[in-house]
Protein backbone atom coordinates (compact mmCIF):
# COMPACT_ATOMS: atom_id res chain seq x y z
CA MET A 1 113.96 106.99 147.55
CA SER A 2 117.44 105.80 146.65
CA LYS A 3 120.47 107.07 148.61
CA LEU A 4 122.86 106.07 145.80
CA THR A 5 123.94 108.43 143.02
CA ILE A 6 122.37 108.16 139.53
CA ALA A 7 125.63 106.56 138.25
CA ASP A 8 125.64 104.06 141.12
CA GLU A 9 122.00 103.04 140.52
CA ALA A 10 122.77 102.60 136.79
CA GLY A 11 125.87 100.49 137.71
CA ARG A 12 123.82 97.94 139.55
CA ARG A 13 121.40 97.36 136.63
CA ARG A 14 121.79 94.25 134.45
CA THR A 15 119.59 94.29 131.34
CA PHE A 16 119.80 91.01 129.38
CA ALA A 17 117.85 89.17 126.73
CA ILE A 18 117.54 85.35 126.37
CA ILE A 19 117.93 84.09 122.82
CA ALA A 20 117.59 80.52 121.44
CA HIS A 21 116.25 78.31 118.70
CA PRO A 22 112.60 77.26 119.39
CA ASP A 23 112.34 74.39 121.93
CA ALA A 24 115.84 74.91 123.34
CA GLY A 25 114.21 75.51 126.71
CA LYS A 26 114.40 79.25 126.71
CA THR A 27 111.07 80.00 128.42
CA THR A 28 111.65 77.27 131.02
CA LEU A 29 115.10 78.83 131.74
CA THR A 30 113.44 82.21 132.16
CA GLU A 31 111.02 80.71 134.76
CA HIS A 32 113.94 79.17 136.71
CA ILE A 33 116.06 82.39 136.64
CA LEU A 34 113.08 84.12 138.20
CA LEU A 35 112.81 81.27 140.76
CA ALA A 36 116.52 81.56 141.62
CA GLY A 37 116.24 85.30 141.84
CA GLY A 38 113.37 85.03 144.34
CA ALA A 39 110.89 86.58 142.00
CA LEU A 40 108.78 83.40 141.76
CA ARG A 41 107.73 80.96 144.48
CA ALA A 42 107.19 78.14 141.94
CA ALA A 43 108.21 77.95 138.28
CA GLY A 44 105.05 77.95 136.18
CA ALA A 45 106.11 75.28 133.83
CA VAL A 46 107.23 72.77 136.50
CA LYS A 47 105.86 72.93 140.02
CA ALA A 48 102.39 74.36 139.75
CA ARG A 49 99.19 72.70 138.63
CA GLY A 50 96.23 73.45 136.36
CA GLU A 51 96.12 76.98 135.01
CA ASN A 52 99.17 77.98 137.08
CA ARG A 53 101.17 75.37 135.16
CA ARG A 54 101.58 77.84 132.32
CA ALA A 55 104.88 79.66 132.00
CA ARG A 56 104.55 83.08 133.63
CA SER A 57 106.34 84.84 130.82
CA ASP A 58 103.92 83.37 128.20
CA TRP A 59 100.75 85.35 129.01
CA MET A 60 98.88 85.55 125.70
CA LYS A 61 96.10 83.10 124.99
CA ILE A 62 97.81 81.63 121.91
CA GLU A 63 101.06 81.28 123.86
CA LYS A 64 99.33 79.26 126.53
CA GLU A 65 97.56 77.02 124.01
CA ARG A 66 100.57 76.25 121.83
CA GLY A 67 103.35 76.37 124.44
CA ILE A 68 105.44 78.81 122.34
CA SER A 69 106.44 82.45 122.91
CA VAL A 70 105.17 84.78 120.30
CA THR A 71 105.90 88.17 121.95
CA ALA A 72 108.80 89.56 123.89
CA SER A 73 108.05 90.04 127.58
CA VAL A 74 109.88 92.02 130.27
CA MET A 75 110.46 90.89 133.81
CA THR A 76 112.17 92.93 136.52
CA PHE A 77 113.49 91.59 139.86
CA GLU A 78 116.05 92.49 142.43
CA HIS A 79 118.65 89.92 143.68
CA GLU A 80 121.76 90.27 145.82
CA GLY A 81 121.86 94.05 145.48
CA LYS A 82 121.45 94.18 141.75
CA MET A 83 118.43 95.01 139.66
CA PHE A 84 117.77 92.52 136.77
CA ASN A 85 115.70 93.40 133.66
CA LEU A 86 115.10 90.10 131.88
CA LEU A 87 113.84 90.34 128.25
CA ASP A 88 112.34 87.01 127.15
CA THR A 89 112.27 86.94 123.31
CA PRO A 90 110.29 84.73 120.86
CA GLY A 91 112.41 81.90 119.58
CA HIS A 92 110.28 81.22 116.48
CA GLU A 93 111.84 82.72 113.33
CA ASP A 94 108.44 84.22 112.24
CA PHE A 95 108.88 86.66 115.13
CA SER A 96 112.54 87.56 114.53
CA GLU A 97 111.66 91.21 114.07
CA ASP A 98 110.26 91.43 117.58
CA THR A 99 113.43 89.71 118.85
CA TYR A 100 115.68 92.08 116.91
CA ARG A 101 113.90 95.20 118.46
CA THR A 102 114.17 93.67 121.89
CA LEU A 103 117.94 93.10 121.54
CA THR A 104 118.40 96.87 120.93
CA ALA A 105 117.31 97.30 124.57
CA ALA A 106 119.65 94.59 125.98
CA ASP A 107 123.20 95.06 127.20
CA CYS A 108 123.98 91.23 127.29
CA ALA A 109 122.46 88.14 125.80
CA ILE A 110 122.15 84.59 127.18
CA MET A 111 122.41 82.16 124.30
CA VAL A 112 120.67 78.91 125.14
CA LEU A 113 121.82 75.79 123.32
CA ASP A 114 120.24 72.33 123.39
CA ALA A 115 122.99 69.98 124.57
CA ALA A 116 121.80 67.28 122.07
CA LYS A 117 121.42 69.62 119.04
CA GLY A 118 124.10 72.32 119.43
CA ILE A 119 123.87 75.43 117.27
CA GLU A 120 120.60 75.50 115.22
CA PRO A 121 119.68 77.83 112.36
CA GLN A 122 117.68 80.40 114.43
CA THR A 123 120.48 80.55 117.06
CA LEU A 124 122.90 81.50 114.31
CA LYS A 125 120.62 84.33 112.97
CA LEU A 126 120.14 85.75 116.49
CA PHE A 127 123.83 85.44 117.19
CA GLU A 128 124.56 87.56 114.05
CA VAL A 129 122.24 90.30 115.34
CA CYS A 130 124.11 90.32 118.69
CA ARG A 131 127.42 90.53 116.77
CA LEU A 132 126.11 93.53 114.75
CA ARG A 133 125.22 95.34 117.92
CA ASP A 134 128.40 94.22 119.83
CA ILE A 135 126.38 92.52 122.56
CA PRO A 136 128.41 90.22 124.81
CA ILE A 137 127.15 86.62 125.04
CA ILE A 138 126.98 84.13 127.87
CA THR A 139 126.33 80.58 126.65
CA PHE A 140 124.10 78.25 128.67
CA ILE A 141 124.03 74.63 127.40
CA ASN A 142 120.72 73.25 128.52
CA LYS A 143 119.00 69.85 128.79
CA LEU A 144 121.93 67.95 130.33
CA ASP A 145 119.30 65.69 131.97
CA ARG A 146 118.89 64.14 128.47
CA GLU A 147 121.49 62.38 126.41
CA SER A 148 123.72 65.04 124.77
CA GLN A 149 126.57 65.43 122.37
CA ASP A 150 130.21 65.19 123.48
CA PRO A 151 130.93 68.41 125.40
CA MET A 152 134.14 69.07 123.56
CA ALA A 153 132.35 68.71 120.13
CA LEU A 154 129.84 71.38 121.35
CA LEU A 155 132.65 73.77 122.25
CA ASP A 156 134.42 73.13 118.94
CA GLU A 157 131.17 74.02 117.14
CA ILE A 158 130.87 77.27 119.11
CA ALA A 159 134.48 78.12 118.18
CA SER A 160 134.17 77.25 114.46
CA ARG A 161 130.70 78.43 113.61
CA LEU A 162 130.44 81.55 115.85
CA GLN A 163 134.18 82.54 115.82
CA LEU A 164 134.06 82.90 119.59
CA ASP A 165 136.60 81.61 122.08
CA PRO A 166 134.66 79.27 124.41
CA ALA A 167 135.77 79.49 128.10
CA PRO A 168 134.19 76.68 130.07
CA ILE A 169 133.32 77.80 133.66
CA TRP A 170 131.91 74.43 134.58
CA TRP A 171 132.28 70.93 132.96
CA PRO A 172 129.68 68.24 132.91
CA ALA A 173 130.18 64.83 134.42
CA GLY A 174 127.99 62.76 132.08
CA SER A 175 124.56 63.44 130.66
CA GLY A 176 121.11 61.92 130.59
CA ASN A 177 120.79 58.92 132.98
CA ARG A 178 124.57 59.08 133.57
CA LEU A 179 124.57 62.77 134.64
CA ARG A 180 126.50 62.97 137.93
CA GLY A 181 126.94 66.67 138.23
CA LEU A 182 129.09 69.63 137.21
CA VAL A 183 132.70 70.33 138.12
CA GLU A 184 134.03 73.92 138.33
CA VAL A 185 137.01 74.53 135.99
CA GLY A 186 140.06 75.87 137.90
CA THR A 187 138.74 75.09 141.44
CA GLY A 188 137.66 71.47 141.10
CA ARG A 189 134.52 72.19 143.09
CA PHE A 190 131.93 69.48 142.30
CA GLN A 191 128.15 70.18 142.21
CA PRO A 192 126.28 66.85 142.49
CA TYR A 193 123.09 66.30 140.53
CA ALA A 194 120.05 64.61 142.13
CA LYS A 195 117.76 62.76 139.78
CA LYS A 196 114.01 63.12 140.07
CA THR A 197 112.53 60.12 141.75
CA ALA A 198 109.97 58.13 139.74
CA GLY A 199 106.34 59.02 140.57
CA SER A 200 107.24 62.22 142.49
CA ASN A 201 105.83 65.61 141.49
CA GLU A 202 108.63 67.41 143.33
CA ASP A 203 112.20 67.75 142.06
CA ALA A 204 114.78 66.43 144.39
CA GLU A 205 117.09 68.98 146.08
CA HIS A 206 120.61 68.86 144.59
CA PRO A 207 123.25 68.12 147.32
CA ASP A 208 125.72 70.83 148.41
CA ALA A 209 128.89 71.30 146.39
CA LEU A 210 132.09 69.70 147.60
CA PRO A 211 135.69 69.13 146.26
CA LEU A 212 135.81 66.69 143.38
CA THR A 213 138.49 64.68 145.26
CA GLU A 214 135.89 63.94 148.03
CA ALA A 215 132.96 63.18 145.63
CA ALA A 216 133.61 59.52 144.78
CA GLN A 217 130.32 58.41 146.32
CA TYR A 218 128.40 60.23 143.53
CA PHE A 219 130.10 58.24 140.79
CA GLU A 220 129.98 54.62 139.51
CA ALA A 221 133.12 52.52 138.83
CA GLY A 222 135.66 54.45 136.71
CA GLU A 223 133.61 57.59 136.25
CA HIS A 224 135.34 59.56 139.01
CA GLU A 225 138.77 59.07 137.43
CA GLU A 226 137.34 59.87 133.96
CA THR A 227 135.92 63.13 135.20
CA ALA A 228 139.21 64.10 136.87
CA GLU A 229 141.08 63.39 133.60
CA ALA A 230 138.55 65.32 131.52
CA LEU A 231 138.96 68.25 133.90
CA GLU A 232 142.73 68.23 133.44
CA LEU A 233 142.31 68.20 129.61
CA VAL A 234 139.83 71.08 129.70
CA GLU A 235 142.00 73.21 131.97
CA ALA A 236 144.93 72.70 129.64
CA GLY A 237 143.14 73.01 126.33
CA TYR A 238 140.72 75.93 126.71
CA PRO A 239 141.40 79.53 127.64
CA THR A 240 140.50 80.82 131.10
CA PHE A 241 137.72 83.31 131.21
CA ASP A 242 138.72 86.96 130.55
CA ARG A 243 135.99 89.44 131.26
CA GLN A 244 137.45 92.14 129.00
CA SER A 245 137.59 89.79 126.01
CA PHE A 246 133.98 88.74 126.76
CA LEU A 247 132.80 92.36 126.96
CA GLU A 248 134.50 93.01 123.55
CA GLY A 249 132.68 90.12 121.95
CA HIS A 250 135.58 87.74 121.44
CA MET A 251 134.92 85.22 124.21
CA THR A 252 131.86 83.50 125.69
CA PRO A 253 131.80 81.87 129.09
CA ILE A 254 130.16 78.40 128.91
CA LEU A 255 127.83 77.20 131.63
CA TRP A 256 125.85 73.97 131.70
CA GLY A 257 122.72 72.68 133.35
CA SER A 258 119.15 71.61 133.12
CA ALA A 259 116.53 74.39 133.35
CA LEU A 260 113.75 71.88 133.90
CA ARG A 261 115.50 70.30 136.89
CA HIS A 262 116.71 73.63 138.28
CA PHE A 263 120.25 72.57 137.93
CA GLY A 264 123.09 75.10 137.21
CA ILE A 265 120.70 78.05 137.35
CA GLU A 266 122.11 79.81 140.43
CA ASP A 267 125.52 79.77 138.85
CA LEU A 268 124.15 81.34 135.70
CA LEU A 269 122.38 84.08 137.67
CA ARG A 270 125.59 84.73 139.54
CA ALA A 271 127.51 84.96 136.20
CA ILE A 272 125.00 87.49 134.84
CA GLY A 273 125.31 89.60 137.99
CA GLU A 274 129.12 89.50 138.02
CA TRP A 275 130.02 89.62 134.36
CA ALA A 276 127.16 91.17 132.30
CA PRO A 277 127.89 94.88 131.67
CA ALA A 278 126.00 97.69 133.32
CA PRO A 279 124.26 100.15 130.98
CA LYS A 280 126.74 101.60 128.54
CA VAL A 281 127.33 105.09 127.08
CA MET A 282 124.98 105.38 124.04
CA PRO A 283 125.48 107.32 120.86
CA ALA A 284 122.71 109.77 119.93
CA ARG A 285 121.97 113.03 118.18
CA LYS A 286 120.96 116.37 119.70
CA GLU A 287 118.25 117.43 117.29
CA ALA A 288 115.22 119.70 117.47
CA PRO A 289 111.82 118.22 116.65
CA PRO A 290 110.77 118.44 112.92
CA GLU A 291 109.29 121.80 111.75
CA THR A 292 111.05 123.73 114.59
CA ARG A 293 111.81 127.24 113.27
CA ASN A 294 115.51 128.31 113.13
CA ALA A 295 116.58 124.97 114.60
CA PRO A 296 120.32 124.52 115.02
CA ALA A 297 122.05 121.79 112.97
CA PRO A 298 121.88 118.29 114.59
CA GLU A 299 125.00 117.26 116.46
CA ALA A 300 126.35 113.84 117.48
CA ILE A 301 126.34 113.42 121.27
CA GLU A 302 127.03 110.58 123.75
CA VAL A 303 124.49 109.84 126.49
CA ASP A 304 126.13 108.71 129.71
CA PRO A 305 123.94 106.55 132.05
CA GLY A 306 124.96 108.68 135.03
CA GLN A 307 123.84 112.05 133.57
CA THR A 308 120.89 113.79 135.15
CA GLU A 309 118.58 114.22 132.12
CA VAL A 310 116.15 111.37 131.68
CA THR A 311 116.45 109.92 128.20
CA GLY A 312 115.55 106.59 126.43
CA PHE A 313 113.69 105.05 123.59
CA VAL A 314 110.63 102.93 122.88
CA PHE A 315 111.57 99.45 121.61
CA LYS A 316 108.16 97.81 121.74
CA VAL A 317 104.53 98.72 121.99
CA GLN A 318 102.03 96.10 123.43
CA ALA A 319 98.28 96.53 123.17
CA ASN A 320 95.61 94.76 125.21
CA MET A 321 97.82 93.21 127.91
CA ASP A 322 94.79 93.75 130.09
CA PRO A 323 91.81 92.59 128.04
CA ASN A 324 89.37 94.42 130.43
CA HIS A 325 90.81 97.76 129.39
CA ARG A 326 91.91 98.71 125.89
CA ASP A 327 95.35 99.52 127.10
CA ARG A 328 98.40 100.33 125.03
CA ILE A 329 101.75 100.12 126.76
CA ALA A 330 104.99 101.47 125.29
CA MET A 331 108.07 99.72 126.64
CA PHE A 332 110.63 102.41 127.34
CA ARG A 333 114.32 101.51 127.79
CA MET A 334 116.01 104.18 129.89
CA ALA A 335 119.44 105.35 128.71
CA SER A 336 120.19 107.95 131.50
CA GLY A 337 118.91 109.92 134.36
CA SER A 338 116.71 109.36 137.40
CA PHE A 339 113.05 108.94 136.45
CA LYS A 340 110.34 109.79 139.02
CA ARG A 341 106.59 109.05 138.62
CA GLY A 342 104.72 112.10 137.37
CA MET A 343 107.63 113.37 135.27
CA LYS A 344 107.01 115.21 131.95
CA LEU A 345 108.90 113.79 128.92
CA LYS A 346 108.90 115.01 125.39
CA VAL A 347 108.79 112.88 122.18
CA GLN A 348 111.68 114.00 119.92
CA ASN A 349 110.14 113.33 116.55
CA THR A 350 106.79 115.00 117.31
CA GLY A 351 107.55 117.53 119.99
CA LYS A 352 104.58 116.24 122.06
CA GLN A 353 104.83 116.31 125.81
CA LEU A 354 103.69 113.38 128.05
CA SER A 355 102.97 113.39 131.73
CA VAL A 356 104.03 109.85 132.89
CA ASN A 357 101.68 109.48 135.83
CA ALA A 358 101.18 105.67 135.82
CA PRO A 359 104.62 104.18 134.70
CA MET A 360 104.82 100.37 135.20
CA MET A 361 107.46 97.81 136.13
CA PHE A 362 106.69 94.49 134.43
CA PHE A 363 106.51 90.95 135.60
CA ALA A 364 105.29 89.38 132.33
CA SER A 365 101.64 90.54 132.18
CA ASP A 366 101.57 91.45 135.86
CA ARG A 367 102.73 94.97 136.67
CA GLU A 368 103.07 97.45 139.48
CA LEU A 369 103.55 101.23 139.58
CA ALA A 370 107.20 102.33 139.20
CA GLU A 371 108.00 105.14 141.55
CA GLU A 372 111.46 105.60 140.19
CA ALA A 373 113.76 104.06 137.48
CA TYR A 374 117.35 104.46 136.24
CA ALA A 375 119.41 103.72 133.14
CA GLY A 376 118.94 100.10 132.08
CA ASP A 377 115.45 99.83 133.46
CA VAL A 378 112.46 99.07 131.25
CA ILE A 379 109.26 100.80 132.21
CA GLY A 380 105.88 100.69 130.65
CA ILE A 381 104.23 103.99 129.63
CA PRO A 382 100.44 103.81 129.10
CA ASN A 383 99.41 105.88 126.07
CA HIS A 384 96.76 106.03 123.38
CA GLY A 385 98.66 106.21 120.08
CA VAL A 386 101.10 108.92 121.17
CA LEU A 387 104.13 106.64 121.24
CA ARG A 388 105.40 104.42 118.50
CA VAL A 389 108.25 101.90 118.18
CA GLY A 390 111.55 103.75 117.72
CA ASP A 391 110.42 107.00 119.42
CA SER A 392 113.06 108.82 121.56
CA LEU A 393 111.93 110.47 124.78
CA SER A 394 113.77 112.94 126.96
CA GLU A 395 113.15 115.86 129.32
CA SER A 396 114.38 118.40 126.76
CA GLY A 397 112.90 116.66 123.78
CA LEU A 398 116.14 117.15 121.86
CA VAL A 399 117.81 113.73 122.18
CA ARG A 400 117.26 111.34 119.35
CA PHE A 401 118.57 107.72 119.44
CA ALA A 402 118.98 105.67 116.25
CA GLY A 403 115.62 104.39 115.07
CA LEU A 404 114.70 100.71 115.02
CA PRO A 405 114.58 98.94 111.65
CA ASN A 406 111.49 97.72 109.88
CA PHE A 407 112.19 94.80 107.52
CA ALA A 408 110.38 94.18 104.31
CA PRO A 409 107.79 91.42 104.83
CA GLU A 410 108.18 88.11 103.01
CA ILE A 411 104.44 87.21 102.71
CA LEU A 412 101.71 89.72 101.68
CA GLN A 413 98.06 88.87 102.13
CA ARG A 414 94.73 90.65 101.78
CA VAL A 415 92.59 90.84 104.87
CA ARG A 416 88.94 91.50 105.11
CA VAL A 417 86.35 91.12 107.90
CA LYS A 418 83.38 88.73 107.41
CA ASP A 419 80.95 91.29 108.72
CA PRO A 420 81.06 94.30 106.40
CA LEU A 421 79.62 96.62 109.10
CA LYS A 422 82.79 96.10 111.11
CA ALA A 423 85.14 97.44 108.41
CA LYS A 424 85.91 100.62 110.44
CA HIS A 425 86.75 98.49 113.50
CA LEU A 426 89.08 96.37 111.32
CA LYS A 427 91.02 99.46 110.22
CA LYS A 428 91.57 100.51 113.81
CA ALA A 429 92.59 97.05 114.96
CA LEU A 430 95.00 96.52 112.11
CA GLU A 431 96.59 99.92 112.75
CA GLY A 432 96.99 99.00 116.41
CA LEU A 433 98.72 95.75 115.64
CA ALA A 434 100.93 97.37 113.02
CA GLU A 435 102.00 100.00 115.55
CA GLU A 436 103.03 97.19 117.86
CA GLY A 437 105.11 95.72 115.04
CA VAL A 438 103.17 92.41 115.08
CA THR A 439 102.69 92.73 111.27
CA GLN A 440 103.01 95.49 108.68
CA LEU A 441 100.00 97.24 107.18
CA PHE A 442 99.89 98.69 103.69
CA ARG A 443 96.99 100.80 102.36
CA PRO A 444 96.86 100.68 98.54
CA GLU A 445 96.19 104.00 96.94
CA ILE A 446 93.62 102.38 94.67
CA GLY A 447 91.11 99.92 96.20
CA ALA A 448 89.76 99.51 99.75
CA ASP A 449 91.48 96.26 100.81
CA PHE A 450 94.26 96.29 103.33
CA ILE A 451 97.44 94.41 102.57
CA VAL A 452 99.07 92.81 105.59
CA GLY A 453 102.78 91.85 105.46
CA ALA A 454 104.55 89.35 107.74
CA VAL A 455 107.77 87.43 107.93
CA GLY A 456 106.10 84.02 108.36
CA GLN A 457 102.71 82.24 108.25
CA LEU A 458 102.53 81.90 111.99
CA GLN A 459 102.21 85.64 112.35
CA PHE A 460 98.96 85.61 110.35
CA GLU A 461 97.59 82.87 112.70
CA VAL A 462 98.53 84.92 115.76
CA MET A 463 97.04 88.03 114.13
CA ALA A 464 93.72 86.25 113.41
CA ASP A 465 93.65 84.88 116.92
CA ARG A 466 94.24 88.32 118.48
CA LEU A 467 91.72 90.06 116.25
CA GLY A 468 89.16 87.53 117.41
CA ALA A 469 89.98 87.54 121.10
CA GLU A 470 90.87 91.18 121.60
CA TYR A 471 88.72 93.05 119.05
CA ASN A 472 85.84 90.48 118.45
CA LEU A 473 86.58 90.49 114.68
CA ASP A 474 86.22 87.39 112.44
CA VAL A 475 88.60 87.93 109.61
CA LEU A 476 89.71 86.17 106.38
CA PHE A 477 93.24 86.26 104.96
CA GLU A 478 93.43 85.83 101.17
CA PRO A 479 96.34 85.68 98.82
CA SER A 480 97.31 89.06 97.41
CA PRO A 481 98.59 89.60 93.86
CA TYR A 482 101.87 91.03 95.29
CA ALA A 483 105.06 89.22 96.17
CA GLU A 484 107.26 92.01 97.54
CA ALA A 485 106.91 95.31 99.28
CA ARG A 486 109.71 97.89 99.04
CA TRP A 487 109.96 101.37 100.50
CA VAL A 488 110.73 103.92 97.81
CA VAL A 489 113.24 106.63 98.67
CA GLY A 490 114.40 109.56 96.58
CA GLU A 491 113.89 113.20 95.70
CA LYS A 492 110.30 114.38 95.81
CA ALA A 493 110.09 115.07 92.10
CA ASP A 494 111.54 111.60 91.25
CA LEU A 495 109.11 109.91 93.66
CA GLU A 496 106.10 111.74 92.19
CA ASP A 497 107.16 110.80 88.62
CA PHE A 498 107.57 107.13 89.63
CA ALA A 499 104.28 107.07 91.58
CA SER A 500 102.31 108.56 88.72
CA LYS A 501 103.47 105.73 86.34
CA TYR A 502 102.82 102.94 88.90
CA ARG A 503 99.74 104.28 90.77
CA PRO A 504 97.91 100.92 90.92
CA GLN A 505 100.91 99.37 92.80
CA MET A 506 101.60 102.20 95.18
CA ALA A 507 100.61 102.03 98.86
CA THR A 508 101.49 103.75 102.13
CA ASP A 509 102.60 102.12 105.43
CA ILE A 510 101.48 103.02 108.90
CA ASP A 511 103.78 106.02 109.04
CA GLN A 512 102.55 107.28 105.60
CA ASN A 513 105.80 106.31 103.84
CA PRO A 514 105.40 105.43 100.15
CA VAL A 515 105.65 101.68 99.34
CA PHE A 516 105.88 99.93 95.99
CA LEU A 517 104.07 96.54 95.85
CA ALA A 518 105.80 94.37 93.22
CA LYS A 519 104.19 91.23 91.60
CA SER A 520 107.61 89.48 91.63
CA SER A 521 111.31 90.06 92.47
CA TRP A 522 111.92 90.25 88.77
CA GLU A 523 109.59 93.29 88.55
CA THR A 524 111.42 94.98 91.44
CA GLY A 525 114.70 94.62 89.54
CA TYR A 526 113.14 95.78 86.18
CA VAL A 527 111.48 98.89 87.72
CA GLY A 528 114.73 99.65 89.59
CA GLU A 529 116.63 99.72 86.31
CA ARG A 530 114.00 102.05 84.72
CA PHE A 531 114.07 104.45 87.60
CA PRO A 532 117.77 104.66 88.80
CA LYS A 533 117.06 107.86 90.87
CA VAL A 534 114.58 105.97 93.08
CA ALA A 535 115.88 103.49 95.67
CA PHE A 536 113.80 100.40 96.62
CA SER A 537 114.64 99.63 100.18
CA LYS A 538 114.21 96.36 102.19
CA THR A 539 114.60 98.15 105.43
CA LEU A 540 113.40 101.43 106.92
CA GLU A 541 114.22 103.05 110.21
CA ARG A 542 111.32 103.81 112.52
CA GLY A 543 111.31 106.68 114.92
């Protein structure tokens, strides 16, 4: 049991997400942060062999086969007196909704850039999400062991495209075959880089840091002077790091390295521990569950991490992490209080009470029982359909955090199972995946086919793979006659009038909300003009 106060325990938590364009080296960086933090003995992508060669944070079958992350995973580890909750997010844009939801649980983001490519389209989208949520960003420029762009050009791009003040903490001396190391801005401390020797399976140990003035032996002719001159320019031309400006979202510290060669990783982990914010005060509402008689009017409140009541929200549901048991784990981000195993928590929007007897701390798909947890921690709550994405939980059952958004899908397809006898199993499987937020499920009011909505084509491939592997269902996806799905919002009478005229195109989502399935964007606009009292929404809050 902890001897610290609830506020002190919350203060030593660092909950951060890693965001990047696909193939910027995000999952490899995750592995090496775990290695630097002492949570891994060998990084899965680098030092192990055979089956162990897989990245530990990519645990689904399709992730291992394709070498991509398609689901957010959570890893918790303790290092130098601080508790780190690392949220690894999918980089692929088809899974941006999962990333968005995961960012709601993060207090800080590590933005990974490829040193050769700079800011890529998906990086820009994810950055905008961070900006919307006022999440401070630490920038890690990766892959220095390959030829890269001019460092100053990369910083200029960050300043112009992201409107952030870059504050270099380290500066690279060369890149690719000419990478000599990193020099610390302000102190002149030089960290030499050791190349991997040809034919060796093991990475060479990087030599100890030393003053740049004493590091001439690590450079070839002229390079030592060049690095010293570049350092002078950088110190004169870029602002020094200001933590307050970083926390307000105006500045980003710039760190460099190579995740694959475990270079610059300890400095990144130290930066997260020192600069990333502890859990913050969160806005919420004090609100009785629906259908409570004589309930008082909802009131706005602020939830302080150090307060005694346990509160938090579900930002993700993951089914079948253990294929031997049809498990369903809700990932619960704590906002306040001191959680103890066996506690009873209430779901705000249903009033149901849960006894949390087997809460879990995650290490990708591995897990162990969590005896206690504090604000900032992410714990897994096993449940069978009681918890959904966006649910708020608390001891009183009266605290409601803002729900998580559902975005209208961009592709709509029909799905049917090849074996008609398994139709009932298909319904249950599709509902399970929709509750996770993998895809969206629409049940037309007329007809028996299910309509599945997704952001991108890869989601359908992942879905088919999971339906086969986890539910033993062989399915077919077919084009649907619909191009758009919009949630319809309005007064009850107006909605009923609209639905009666467009019955063949009406459907319900997993939460029984009415949805209009349009054949084209033109039709959505035309119908919107005919029914001005009904709103056709691209987003809907869950929870």
